[in-house]
Protein backbone atom coordinates (compact mmCIF):
# COMPACT_ATOMS: atom_id res chain seq x y z
CA MET A 1 95.95 90.80 100.82
CA THR A 2 95.98 87.58 102.32
CA HIS A 3 92.22 86.48 102.42
CA GLN A 4 92.63 83.80 105.37
CA LEU A 5 94.35 86.45 107.49
CA ARG A 6 91.57 88.96 106.58
CA VAL A 7 88.99 86.70 107.65
CA ARG A 8 90.75 86.10 111.07
CA VAL A 9 91.14 89.95 111.41
CA CYS A 10 87.49 90.42 110.72
CA ALA A 11 86.54 87.91 113.59
CA VAL A 12 89.10 89.66 116.03
CA LEU A 13 87.81 93.19 115.24
CA ALA A 14 84.09 92.63 114.85
CA ALA A 15 83.54 93.82 118.18
CA ALA A 16 85.56 96.86 117.55
CA LEU A 17 83.51 97.67 114.31
CA LEU A 18 80.14 97.74 116.47
CA ALA A 19 81.72 100.46 118.61
CA VAL A 20 82.35 102.41 115.42
CA SER A 21 79.79 105.42 115.55
CA GLY A 22 77.81 104.45 112.37
CA GLY A 23 78.93 100.75 111.87
CA TYR A 24 77.26 99.92 108.35
CA ALA A 25 74.32 102.45 108.87
CA TYR A 26 73.03 102.02 105.36
CA GLY A 27 72.13 98.23 105.17
CA ALA A 28 73.95 95.13 105.89
CA PRO A 29 76.61 94.32 103.11
CA ALA A 30 76.73 90.93 101.21
CA ARG A 31 79.24 88.67 102.57
CA ASP A 32 81.46 88.08 99.49
CA ASP A 33 85.09 88.56 99.11
CA MET A 34 84.74 92.21 98.20
CA ASP A 35 82.67 92.97 101.11
CA LEU A 36 85.07 91.16 103.48
CA ASP A 37 87.79 93.22 102.05
CA ILE A 38 85.93 96.49 102.35
CA GLU A 39 85.10 95.52 105.92
CA THR A 40 88.83 94.76 106.79
CA ALA A 41 89.62 98.11 105.34
CA VAL A 42 87.33 99.61 107.45
CA GLN A 43 88.25 98.13 110.66
CA GLY A 44 91.89 98.32 109.72
CA VAL A 45 92.12 102.18 109.24
CA ASP A 46 89.66 102.75 112.33
CA ALA A 47 91.90 100.78 114.58
CA PHE A 48 94.83 102.55 113.35
CA TRP A 49 93.40 105.94 114.32
CA ASP A 50 92.16 104.59 117.56
CA ALA A 51 95.44 103.32 118.62
CA HIS A 52 97.62 106.16 117.20
CA TRP A 53 95.62 109.21 117.15
CA SER A 54 97.25 110.68 120.44
CA GLU A 55 100.64 110.39 119.03
CA PHE A 56 99.90 113.08 116.28
CA PHE A 57 96.87 115.16 117.69
CA THR A 58 95.10 116.23 120.91
CA GLU A 59 91.65 115.59 122.15
CA THR A 60 90.05 112.24 121.43
CA TYR A 61 89.51 110.26 118.07
CA VAL A 62 86.09 109.89 117.09
CA PRO A 63 85.23 107.83 113.98
CA PRO A 64 83.17 108.77 111.28
CA THR A 65 79.87 106.92 110.61
CA VAL A 66 80.19 104.44 107.86
CA LEU A 67 77.26 104.07 105.65
CA GLY A 68 79.08 101.83 103.31
CA GLU A 69 77.79 100.58 100.00
CA TYR A 70 74.88 102.20 98.13
CA ASP A 71 73.39 101.59 94.70
CA GLY A 72 73.95 104.75 92.82
CA ALA A 73 71.36 103.80 90.10
CA SER A 74 68.50 103.62 92.69
CA ALA A 75 66.21 106.37 93.58
CA ASP A 76 66.70 105.38 97.26
CA VAL A 77 70.46 106.79 97.57
CA PRO A 78 71.97 108.68 100.74
CA THR A 79 71.96 112.31 100.60
CA CYS A 80 74.64 114.88 101.79
CA ASP A 81 73.44 118.15 102.99
CA GLY A 82 70.14 117.11 101.04
CA GLU A 83 71.96 116.42 97.93
CA PRO A 84 71.65 112.70 96.50
CA LEU A 85 75.24 111.12 96.29
CA ALA A 86 76.08 110.42 92.59
CA ASP A 87 76.73 107.09 91.04
CA ASP A 88 80.13 105.60 90.38
CA ASN A 89 81.72 107.47 93.15
CA ALA A 90 82.80 107.52 96.69
CA PHE A 91 82.19 110.20 99.36
CA TYR A 92 82.93 111.66 102.63
CA CYS A 93 80.01 113.96 103.68
CA ARG A 94 81.57 116.94 105.50
CA THR A 95 78.33 118.15 107.05
CA ASP A 96 77.35 117.40 110.43
CA GLU A 97 76.30 113.98 109.02
CA ASP A 98 79.95 112.92 109.03
CA TYR A 99 79.80 109.88 106.95
CA LEU A 100 81.65 107.74 104.37
CA ALA A 101 79.90 106.00 101.43
CA TRP A 102 80.81 104.33 98.13
CA ASP A 103 78.84 103.10 95.11
CA THR A 104 78.67 99.39 94.90
CA ASP A 105 79.44 99.65 91.16
CA LEU A 106 82.40 101.89 91.43
CA MET A 107 83.95 99.16 94.20
CA ARG A 108 83.06 96.33 91.98
CA SER A 109 84.70 97.77 88.83
CA GLY A 110 87.87 98.62 90.62
CA TYR A 111 87.94 95.34 92.43
CA ARG A 112 88.33 93.43 89.14
CA TYR A 113 91.81 94.97 88.89
CA GLY A 114 92.69 93.80 92.42
CA ASP A 115 91.50 93.85 96.02
CA ALA A 116 93.73 96.76 96.93
CA PHE A 117 91.43 99.01 95.18
CA VAL A 118 88.74 98.82 97.82
CA TYR A 119 91.32 99.34 100.66
CA LEU A 120 92.59 102.71 98.95
CA VAL A 121 88.89 104.07 98.53
CA VAL A 122 88.10 103.56 101.94
CA ALA A 123 91.48 105.04 103.24
CA HIS A 124 91.12 107.98 100.93
CA GLU A 125 87.83 108.67 102.15
CA TRP A 126 88.72 108.15 105.77
CA GLY A 127 91.48 110.68 105.26
CA HIS A 128 88.98 113.39 104.21
CA ALA A 129 87.06 112.47 107.50
CA ILE A 130 90.45 113.02 109.36
CA GLN A 131 91.02 116.35 107.73
CA ASN A 132 87.62 117.60 108.79
CA ARG A 133 88.55 116.79 112.45
CA LEU A 134 91.74 119.17 112.01
CA ASP A 135 92.60 122.72 112.73
CA ALA A 136 92.78 124.61 109.57
CA GLU A 137 96.55 125.05 109.85
CA LEU A 138 97.00 121.19 109.66
CA GLN A 139 94.89 121.05 106.52
CA THR A 140 96.46 121.50 102.94
CA VAL A 141 94.96 123.48 100.22
CA ASP A 142 95.54 120.38 97.94
CA ALA A 143 93.07 118.35 100.09
CA GLU A 144 92.81 115.36 97.53
CA LEU A 145 96.46 114.96 97.64
CA GLN A 146 96.73 115.11 101.52
CA ALA A 147 93.83 112.53 101.64
CA ASP A 148 96.22 110.26 99.38
CA CYS A 149 98.84 110.85 101.92
CA LEU A 150 96.96 109.98 104.81
CA ALA A 151 95.77 106.93 102.92
CA GLY A 152 99.23 105.73 102.65
CA ALA A 153 99.80 106.36 106.21
CA GLU A 154 96.92 104.63 107.39
CA LEU A 155 97.31 101.56 105.32
CA GLU A 156 100.99 101.36 106.12
CA GLY A 157 100.38 101.83 109.74
CA ALA A 158 97.50 99.33 109.97
CA ALA A 159 99.83 96.76 107.96
CA GLN A 160 102.59 97.57 110.79
CA ASP A 161 99.81 96.88 113.62
CA GLY A 162 99.01 93.53 111.80
CA THR A 163 95.42 94.59 111.08
CA VAL A 164 95.88 94.31 107.07
CA VAL A 165 98.38 92.63 105.15
CA PHE A 166 99.93 93.61 102.12
CA ASP A 167 100.45 90.81 99.64
CA SER A 168 102.79 90.94 96.57
CA GLY A 169 101.11 93.15 93.97
CA ASP A 170 99.23 95.16 96.27
CA VAL A 171 101.55 98.39 95.90
CA ASP A 172 101.12 97.98 92.10
CA GLU A 173 97.38 97.80 92.47
CA VAL A 174 97.20 100.76 94.55
CA ARG A 175 99.47 102.61 92.03
CA THR A 176 97.25 101.62 89.25
CA ALA A 177 94.17 102.88 90.98
CA LEU A 178 95.81 106.24 91.59
CA VAL A 179 96.93 106.67 88.18
CA ARG A 180 93.55 105.55 86.66
CA ASP A 181 91.54 108.29 88.66
CA ALA A 182 94.28 111.17 88.52
CA ASP A 183 93.71 114.29 86.62
CA GLN A 184 95.28 114.79 83.23
CA THR A 185 97.10 117.90 84.48
CA PRO A 186 99.00 118.68 87.80
CA TRP A 187 97.18 120.21 90.72
CA THR A 188 96.27 123.80 90.43
CA LYS A 189 93.06 124.56 92.31
CA GLU A 190 90.75 123.39 95.15
CA GLY A 191 88.90 120.15 94.14
CA ASP A 192 91.60 118.75 91.84
CA HIS A 193 92.82 115.18 92.66
CA GLY A 194 96.20 115.92 91.03
CA SER A 195 98.14 114.19 88.25
CA ALA A 196 99.20 110.51 88.17
CA SER A 197 102.78 111.38 89.49
CA GLU A 198 101.48 113.77 92.25
CA ARG A 199 98.94 111.24 93.45
CA VAL A 200 101.41 108.32 93.60
CA ASP A 201 104.14 110.48 95.24
CA ALA A 202 101.51 111.59 98.04
CA PHE A 203 100.47 108.04 98.80
CA ALA A 204 104.18 107.01 98.93
CA THR A 205 104.81 109.80 101.29
CA GLY A 206 102.23 108.67 103.61
CA GLN A 207 103.60 105.11 103.66
CA GLU A 208 107.37 106.03 103.97
CA VAL A 209 107.02 109.10 106.38
CA GLY A 210 103.72 108.50 108.19
CA VAL A 211 101.12 110.99 109.19
CA GLU A 212 103.50 113.82 109.78
CA GLY A 213 104.62 113.67 106.41
CA CYS A 214 101.24 114.61 105.24
CA LEU A 215 100.80 117.71 107.42
CA PRO A 216 102.17 121.26 106.63
CA GLN A 217 105.84 121.24 107.59
CA GLU A 218 105.45 124.33 109.75
CA ALA A 219 102.53 122.53 111.76
CA SER A 220 104.61 119.49 112.12
CA ALA A 221 107.53 121.38 113.38
CA GLU A 222 105.45 123.16 115.94
CA GLY A 223 103.36 120.17 116.99
CA ALA A 224 99.92 119.30 115.83
CA SER A 225 96.64 119.95 117.67
CA ALA A 226 93.17 118.92 116.43
CA PRO A 227 90.08 119.65 118.21
CA VAL A 228 87.56 117.02 117.24
CA ARG A 229 84.30 118.07 115.59
């Protein structure tokens, strides 16, 4: 993703980020390239939902808190429902805490393979936050694949809005990340992430069809409703 444009986007949306309910609540991030990419991903995805939520759902969009990066090897890590977050992972905490967080080592290890990795992580976890705001009939049992689909819709929508820019190679980087973290077998039960092909297909559906392509077909046909938590 084009770095100079990302920096300009960060400046334009800085005020908007301060309005996000949590901002970076778990310490100020270092200002290197990766952190700028994470910040741009946060701003872009949040701006997409703020602008387009009412096109798909009822009520008012309320963003999750963004705790941001943490050191999974430290004793002082965030907790979700009283349990410390694991290292080398990214999380959406579904309790009333309603926050996103990601281990710094996870982000840095993935970032070595391309900057699109951190955009995918942010968008995927934001997808879980969106799921948690939807009526049960709008959620799918394969929640991880729905989050992949929503990630595709969010990032493509943000690109169309001009808040993020896809560079040549970014789609391949996303595909590589989805394949790397996929299960060895197809989705069969709650908690599974799905096979490589399932994850890639879910993300592509979100990109190509948009948010409605991520919802159960019956719900999309009837019209979506989503009381905010």
